[in-house]
C-alpha atoms as a PDB file:
ATOM      1  CA  UNK A   1     -17.529  -6.303 -35.935  1.00  0.00           C
ATOM      2  CA  UNK A   2     -19.807  -7.756 -33.012  1.00  0.00           C
ATOM      3  CA  UNK A   3     -17.047  -9.948 -32.558  1.00  0.00           C
ATOM      4  CA  UNK A   4     -14.392  -7.294 -32.346  1.00  0.00           C
ATOM      5  CA  UNK A   5     -16.525  -5.573 -29.059  1.00  0.00           C
ATOM      6  CA  UNK A   6     -16.395  -9.096 -27.614  1.00  0.00           C
ATOM      7  CA  UNK A   7     -12.855  -9.827 -27.922  1.00  0.00           C
ATOM      8  CA  UNK A   8     -12.292  -6.390 -26.452  1.00  0.00           C
ATOM      9  CA  UNK A   9     -14.681  -7.130 -23.412  1.00  0.00           C
ATOM     10  CA  UNK A  10     -13.143 -10.746 -23.000  1.00  0.00           C
ATOM     11  CA  UNK A  11      -9.614  -9.338 -22.904  1.00  0.00           C
ATOM     12  CA  UNK A  12     -10.294  -6.594 -20.898  1.00  0.00           C
ATOM     13  CA  UNK A  13     -12.001  -9.015 -18.162  1.00  0.00           C
ATOM     14  CA  UNK A  14      -8.869 -10.828 -18.470  1.00  0.00           C
ATOM     15  CA  UNK A  15      -6.106  -8.043 -18.514  1.00  0.00           C
ATOM     16  CA  UNK A  16      -8.152  -6.980 -15.095  1.00  0.00           C
ATOM     17  CA  UNK A  17      -7.771 -10.495 -13.723  1.00  0.00           C
ATOM     18  CA  UNK A  18      -4.194 -10.286 -14.520  1.00  0.00           C
ATOM     19  CA  UNK A  19      -3.211  -7.209 -12.794  1.00  0.00           C
ATOM     20  CA  UNK A  20      -5.558  -7.524 -10.034  1.00  0.00           C
ATOM     21  CA  UNK A  21      -3.680 -11.198  -9.090  1.00  0.00           C
ATOM     22  CA  UNK A  22      -0.134  -9.361  -9.556  1.00  0.00           C
ATOM     23  CA  UNK A  23      -1.245  -6.559  -7.438  1.00  0.00           C
ATOM     24  CA  UNK A  24      -2.920  -9.097  -4.538  1.00  0.00           C
ATOM     25  CA  UNK A  25       0.586 -11.009  -4.128  1.00  0.00           C
ATOM     26  CA  UNK A  26       2.107  -8.086  -2.395  1.00  0.00           C
ATOM     27  CA  UNK A  27      -1.172  -7.107  -0.877  1.00  0.00           C
ATOM     28  CA  UNK A  28      -1.270 -10.577   0.567  1.00  0.00           C
ATOM     29  CA  UNK A  29       2.003 -10.236   1.947  1.00  0.00           C
ATOM     30  CA  UNK A  30       1.167  -6.867   3.815  1.00  0.00           C
ATOM     31  CA  UNK A  31      -2.359  -8.453   4.837  1.00  0.00           C
ATOM     32  CA  UNK A  32      -0.436 -11.260   6.404  1.00  0.00           C
ATOM     33  CA  UNK A  33       1.975  -8.839   8.376  1.00  0.00           C
ATOM     34  CA  UNK A  34      -1.014  -6.530   9.395  1.00  0.00           C
ATOM     35  CA  UNK A  35      -3.228  -9.587  10.757  1.00  0.00           C
ATOM     36  CA  UNK A  36      -0.344 -10.528  12.897  1.00  0.00           C
ATOM     37  CA  UNK A  37       0.176  -7.446  14.359  1.00  0.00           C
ATOM     38  CA  UNK A  38      -3.529  -6.765  14.944  1.00  0.00           C
ATOM     39  CA  UNK A  39      -4.009 -10.117  16.598  1.00  0.00           C
ATOM     40  CA  UNK A  40      -1.059  -9.492  19.100  1.00  0.00           C
ATOM     41  CA  UNK A  41      -2.659  -6.039  19.681  1.00  0.00           C
ATOM     42  CA  UNK A  42      -5.865  -7.401  20.444  1.00  0.00           C
ATOM     43  CA  UNK A  43      -4.612 -10.156  22.985  1.00  0.00           C
ATOM     44  CA  UNK A  44      -2.235  -7.996  24.449  1.00  0.00           C
ATOM     45  CA  UNK A  45      -4.164  -4.629  24.509  1.00  0.00           C
ATOM     46  CA  UNK A  46      -7.582  -5.621  24.847  1.00  0.00           C
ATOM     47  CA  UNK A  47      -8.481  -3.237  22.228  1.00  0.00           C
ATOM     48  CA  UNK A  48     -11.258  -4.131  19.367  1.00  0.00           C
ATOM     49  CA  UNK A  49     -10.857  -5.681  16.010  1.00  0.00           C
ATOM     50  CA  UNK A  50     -11.280  -2.051  14.218  1.00  0.00           C
ATOM     51  CA  UNK A  51      -9.119  -0.153  16.322  1.00  0.00           C
ATOM     52  CA  UNK A  52      -6.280  -3.053  16.267  1.00  0.00           C
ATOM     53  CA  UNK A  53      -6.577  -3.096  12.375  1.00  0.00           C
ATOM     54  CA  UNK A  54      -6.385   0.761  11.824  1.00  0.00           C
ATOM     55  CA  UNK A  55      -3.265   0.978  14.145  1.00  0.00           C
ATOM     56  CA  UNK A  56      -1.509  -2.211  12.314  1.00  0.00           C
ATOM     57  CA  UNK A  57      -2.210  -0.754   9.102  1.00  0.00           C
ATOM     58  CA  UNK A  58      -0.664   2.292   9.952  1.00  0.00           C
ATOM     59  CA  UNK A  59       2.404   1.001  11.251  1.00  0.00           C
ATOM     60  CA  UNK A  60       2.597  -1.228   7.984  1.00  0.00           C
ATOM     61  CA  UNK A  61       1.973   1.949   6.051  1.00  0.00           C
ATOM     62  CA  UNK A  62       4.252   3.933   7.942  1.00  0.00           C
ATOM     63  CA  UNK A  63       7.501   1.716   7.362  1.00  0.00           C
ATOM     64  CA  UNK A  64       6.517   1.369   3.966  1.00  0.00           C
ATOM     65  CA  UNK A  65       6.073   5.193   3.376  1.00  0.00           C
ATOM     66  CA  UNK A  66       9.493   5.181   5.011  1.00  0.00           C
ATOM     67  CA  UNK A  67      11.231   3.039   3.004  1.00  0.00           C
ATOM     68  CA  UNK A  68       9.839   4.143  -0.317  1.00  0.00           C
ATOM     69  CA  UNK A  69      10.609   7.887   0.645  1.00  0.00           C
ATOM     70  CA  UNK A  70      14.371   7.319   1.686  1.00  0.00           C
ATOM     71  CA  UNK A  71      15.305   4.864  -1.337  1.00  0.00           C
ATOM     72  CA  UNK A  72      15.440   7.518  -3.527  1.00  0.00           C
ATOM     73  CA  UNK A  73      17.491   9.718  -1.646  1.00  0.00           C
ATOM     74  CA  UNK A  74      19.800   7.129  -0.909  1.00  0.00           C
ATOM     75  CA  UNK A  75      20.170   6.023  -4.397  1.00  0.00           C
ATOM     76  CA  UNK A  76      21.145   9.543  -5.124  1.00  0.00           C
ATOM     77  CA  UNK A  77      23.652   9.703  -2.220  1.00  0.00           C
ATOM     78  CA  UNK A  78      25.526   6.590  -3.347  1.00  0.00           C
ATOM     79  CA  UNK A  79      25.394   7.962  -7.010  1.00  0.00           C
ATOM     80  CA  UNK A  80      28.213  10.671  -6.546  1.00  0.00           C
ATOM     81  CA  UNK A  81      31.305   8.050  -5.741  1.00  0.00           C
ATOM     82  CA  UNK A  82      30.405   6.370  -8.780  1.00  0.00           C
ATOM     83  CA  UNK A  83      30.020   8.852 -11.089  1.00  0.00           C
ATOM     84  CA  UNK A  84      33.036  11.075  -9.318  1.00  0.00           C
ATOM     85  CA  UNK A  85      30.592  14.110  -9.087  1.00  0.00           C
ATOM     86  CA  UNK A  86      30.508  16.298  -6.152  1.00  0.00           C
ATOM     87  CA  UNK A  87      27.258  15.445  -4.233  1.00  0.00           C
ATOM     88  CA  UNK A  88      24.070  17.559  -4.844  1.00  0.00           C
ATOM     89  CA  UNK A  89      23.453  20.350  -2.461  1.00  0.00           C
ATOM     90  CA  UNK A  90      20.729  18.742  -0.708  1.00  0.00           C
ATOM     91  CA  UNK A  91      23.125  16.136   0.219  1.00  0.00           C
ATOM     92  CA  UNK A  92      25.654  18.608   1.313  1.00  0.00           C
ATOM     93  CA  UNK A  93      24.603  18.906   4.827  1.00  0.00           C
ATOM     94  CA  UNK A  94      25.605  18.774   8.576  1.00  0.00           C
ATOM     95  CA  UNK A  95      24.544  16.895  11.502  1.00  0.00           C
ATOM     96  CA  UNK A  96      23.411  19.965  12.714  1.00  0.00           C
ATOM     97  CA  UNK A  97      21.101  20.655   9.813  1.00  0.00           C
ATOM     98  CA  UNK A  98      19.998  17.158   9.457  1.00  0.00           C
ATOM     99  CA  UNK A  99      18.838  17.110  13.324  1.00  0.00           C
ATOM    100  CA  UNK A 100      17.094  20.358  12.438  1.00  0.00           C
ATOM    101  CA  UNK A 101      15.058  19.342   9.661  1.00  0.00           C
ATOM    102  CA  UNK A 102      14.431  15.662  11.068  1.00  0.00           C
ATOM    103  CA  UNK A 103      11.330  16.720  12.949  1.00  0.00           C
ATOM    104  CA  UNK A 104       9.381  18.260  10.479  1.00  0.00           C
ATOM    105  CA  UNK A 105      10.240  14.997   8.217  1.00  0.00           C
ATOM    106  CA  UNK A 106       9.226  12.929  10.595  1.00  0.00           C
ATOM    107  CA  UNK A 107       5.815  15.029  11.300  1.00  0.00           C
ATOM    108  CA  UNK A 108       5.466  15.000   7.283  1.00  0.00           C
ATOM    109  CA  UNK A 109       6.010  11.092   6.976  1.00  0.00           C
ATOM    110  CA  UNK A 110       3.554  10.360   9.763  1.00  0.00           C
ATOM    111  CA  UNK A 111       0.753  12.608   8.542  1.00  0.00           C
ATOM    112  CA  UNK A 112       1.438  10.823   5.192  1.00  0.00           C
ATOM    113  CA  UNK A 113       0.936   7.420   6.705  1.00  0.00           C
ATOM    114  CA  UNK A 114      -2.115   8.462   8.378  1.00  0.00           C
ATOM    115  CA  UNK A 115      -3.731   9.948   4.978  1.00  0.00           C
ATOM    116  CA  UNK A 116      -2.541   6.476   3.117  1.00  0.00           C
ATOM    117  CA  UNK A 117      -3.952   4.446   6.162  1.00  0.00           C
ATOM    118  CA  UNK A 118      -7.263   6.146   5.902  1.00  0.00           C
ATOM    119  CA  UNK A 119      -7.063   5.686   1.979  1.00  0.00           C
ATOM    120  CA  UNK A 120      -6.672   1.871   2.464  1.00  0.00           C
ATOM    121  CA  UNK A 121      -9.307   1.413   5.211  1.00  0.00           C
ATOM    122  CA  UNK A 122     -12.118   0.878   3.038  1.00  0.00           C
ATOM    123  CA  UNK A 123     -10.499  -1.667   0.875  1.00  0.00           C
ATOM    124  CA  UNK A 124      -9.338  -3.415   4.163  1.00  0.00           C
ATOM    125  CA  UNK A 125     -12.916  -4.103   5.007  1.00  0.00           C
ATOM    126  CA  UNK A 126     -13.481  -5.199   1.420  1.00  0.00           C
ATOM    127  CA  UNK A 127     -11.084  -7.587   1.786  1.00  0.00           C
ATOM    128  CA  UNK A 128     -12.253  -8.618   5.462  1.00  0.00           C
ATOM    129  CA  UNK A 129     -15.983  -8.830   3.839  1.00  0.00           C
ATOM    130  CA  UNK A 130     -14.993 -10.984   1.252  1.00  0.00           C
ATOM    131  CA  UNK A 131     -12.999 -13.099   3.469  1.00  0.00           C
ATOM    132  CA  UNK A 132     -15.602 -13.468   5.804  1.00  0.00           C
ATOM    133  CA  UNK A 133     -18.601 -14.323   2.971  1.00  0.00           C
ATOM    134  CA  UNK A 134     -16.338 -17.068   1.451  1.00  0.00           C
ATOM    135  CA  UNK A 135     -15.520 -18.709   4.625  1.00  0.00           C
ATOM    136  CA  UNK A 136     -19.094 -19.110   5.463  1.00  0.00           C
ATOM    137  CA  UNK A 137     -20.276 -19.915   2.118  1.00  0.00           C
ATOM    138  CA  UNK A 138     -17.745 -22.346   1.137  1.00  0.00           C
ATOM    139  CA  UNK A 139     -15.793 -24.886   2.837  1.00  0.00           C
ATOM    140  CA  UNK A 140     -12.661 -23.578   1.920  1.00  0.00           C
ATOM    141  CA  UNK A 141      -9.465 -23.877   3.394  1.00  0.00           C
ATOM    142  CA  UNK A 142      -8.409 -20.611   5.284  1.00  0.00           C
ATOM    143  CA  UNK A 143      -5.440 -19.371   3.461  1.00  0.00           C
ATOM    144  CA  UNK A 144      -7.406 -19.673   0.482  1.00  0.00           C
ATOM    145  CA  UNK A 145     -10.328 -17.164   1.722  1.00  0.00           C
ATOM    146  CA  UNK A 146      -7.779 -14.879   2.978  1.00  0.00           C
ATOM    147  CA  UNK A 147      -6.446 -14.823  -0.734  1.00  0.00           C
ATOM    148  CA  UNK A 148      -9.354 -14.658  -2.095  1.00  0.00           C
ATOM    149  CA  UNK A 149     -10.686 -11.736   0.038  1.00  0.00           C
ATOM    150  CA  UNK A 150      -7.118  -9.894  -0.787  1.00  0.00           C
ATOM    151  CA  UNK A 151      -8.061 -10.642  -4.463  1.00  0.00           C
ATOM    152  CA  UNK A 152     -11.598  -9.479  -4.199  1.00  0.00           C
ATOM    153  CA  UNK A 153      -9.926  -6.128  -2.659  1.00  0.00           C
ATOM    154  CA  UNK A 154      -7.262  -5.747  -5.384  1.00  0.00           C
ATOM    155  CA  UNK A 155     -10.307  -5.901  -8.203  1.00  0.00           C
ATOM    156  CA  UNK A 156     -11.871  -3.247  -6.453  1.00  0.00           C
ATOM    157  CA  UNK A 157      -8.700  -1.537  -6.200  1.00  0.00           C
ATOM    158  CA  UNK A 158      -7.786  -1.852  -9.948  1.00  0.00           C
ATOM    159  CA  UNK A 159     -11.693  -0.606 -11.063  1.00  0.00           C
ATOM    160  CA  UNK A 160     -11.612   2.661  -8.770  1.00  0.00           C
ATOM    161  CA  UNK A 161      -7.853   3.247  -9.788  1.00  0.00           C
ATOM    162  CA  UNK A 162      -8.677   2.873 -13.911  1.00  0.00           C
ATOM    163  CA  UNK A 163     -12.095   3.968 -14.146  1.00  0.00           C
ATOM    164  CA  UNK A 164     -13.322   6.153 -11.223  1.00  0.00           C
ATOM    165  CA  UNK A 165     -10.250   8.110 -10.214  1.00  0.00           C
ATOM    166  CA  UNK A 166      -7.549   7.391 -13.229  1.00  0.00           C
ATOM    167  CA  UNK A 167      -5.692  10.560 -12.035  1.00  0.00           C
ATOM    168  CA  UNK A 168      -5.032   8.992  -8.392  1.00  0.00           C
ATOM    169  CA  UNK A 169      -1.507   6.883  -9.035  1.00  0.00           C
ATOM    170  CA  UNK A 170       0.012  10.365  -9.944  1.00  0.00           C
ATOM    171  CA  UNK A 171      -1.581  12.297  -7.459  1.00  0.00           C
ATOM    172  CA  UNK A 172      -0.398   9.902  -4.456  1.00  0.00           C
ATOM    173  CA  UNK A 173       3.257   9.843  -6.199  1.00  0.00           C
ATOM    174  CA  UNK A 174       3.203  13.533  -6.061  1.00  0.00           C
ATOM    175  CA  UNK A 175       1.784  13.685  -2.390  1.00  0.00           C
ATOM    176  CA  UNK A 176       4.287  11.064  -1.213  1.00  0.00           C
ATOM    177  CA  UNK A 177       7.384  12.728  -2.705  1.00  0.00           C
ATOM    178  CA  UNK A 178       6.533  16.396  -3.380  1.00  0.00           C
ATOM    179  CA  UNK A 179       4.517  17.540  -0.437  1.00  0.00           C
END
């Protein structure tokens, strides 16, 4: 009986690390892009690290939200020629209707990107703190320190999502697509 508890704890920790590793790979790609944009902003406009980091995170999140928001619409638009069905009503619009709705859609996506950026920034600061700590304490290569910082941030993200706010994933999906 006691051994079952230890097995559950051991495999839960293994699963947490596995899920965090899987999550850290796209996070690392985003972090590399954000770091490149932030360093260029700091050199060109001579702004501080926090402002450059916030703005570059906002740009990356905005691009991701535009892609995530438009991908289902694109798939639905392509479906009608394949199924020989007429297009749904929300795809039967004229250019005037599209141009009339475009400003409200753009404002909605800009505000959603700002909200997601504000949610991501504390996790980004956790990654930066872990990166700086690992870089100073260990004599590890910079790429290892960056990945370790992102991995620590992924662990924090998974723990917050699964333990503290288990309803957050469905709430964020609802916020992205239906508000």
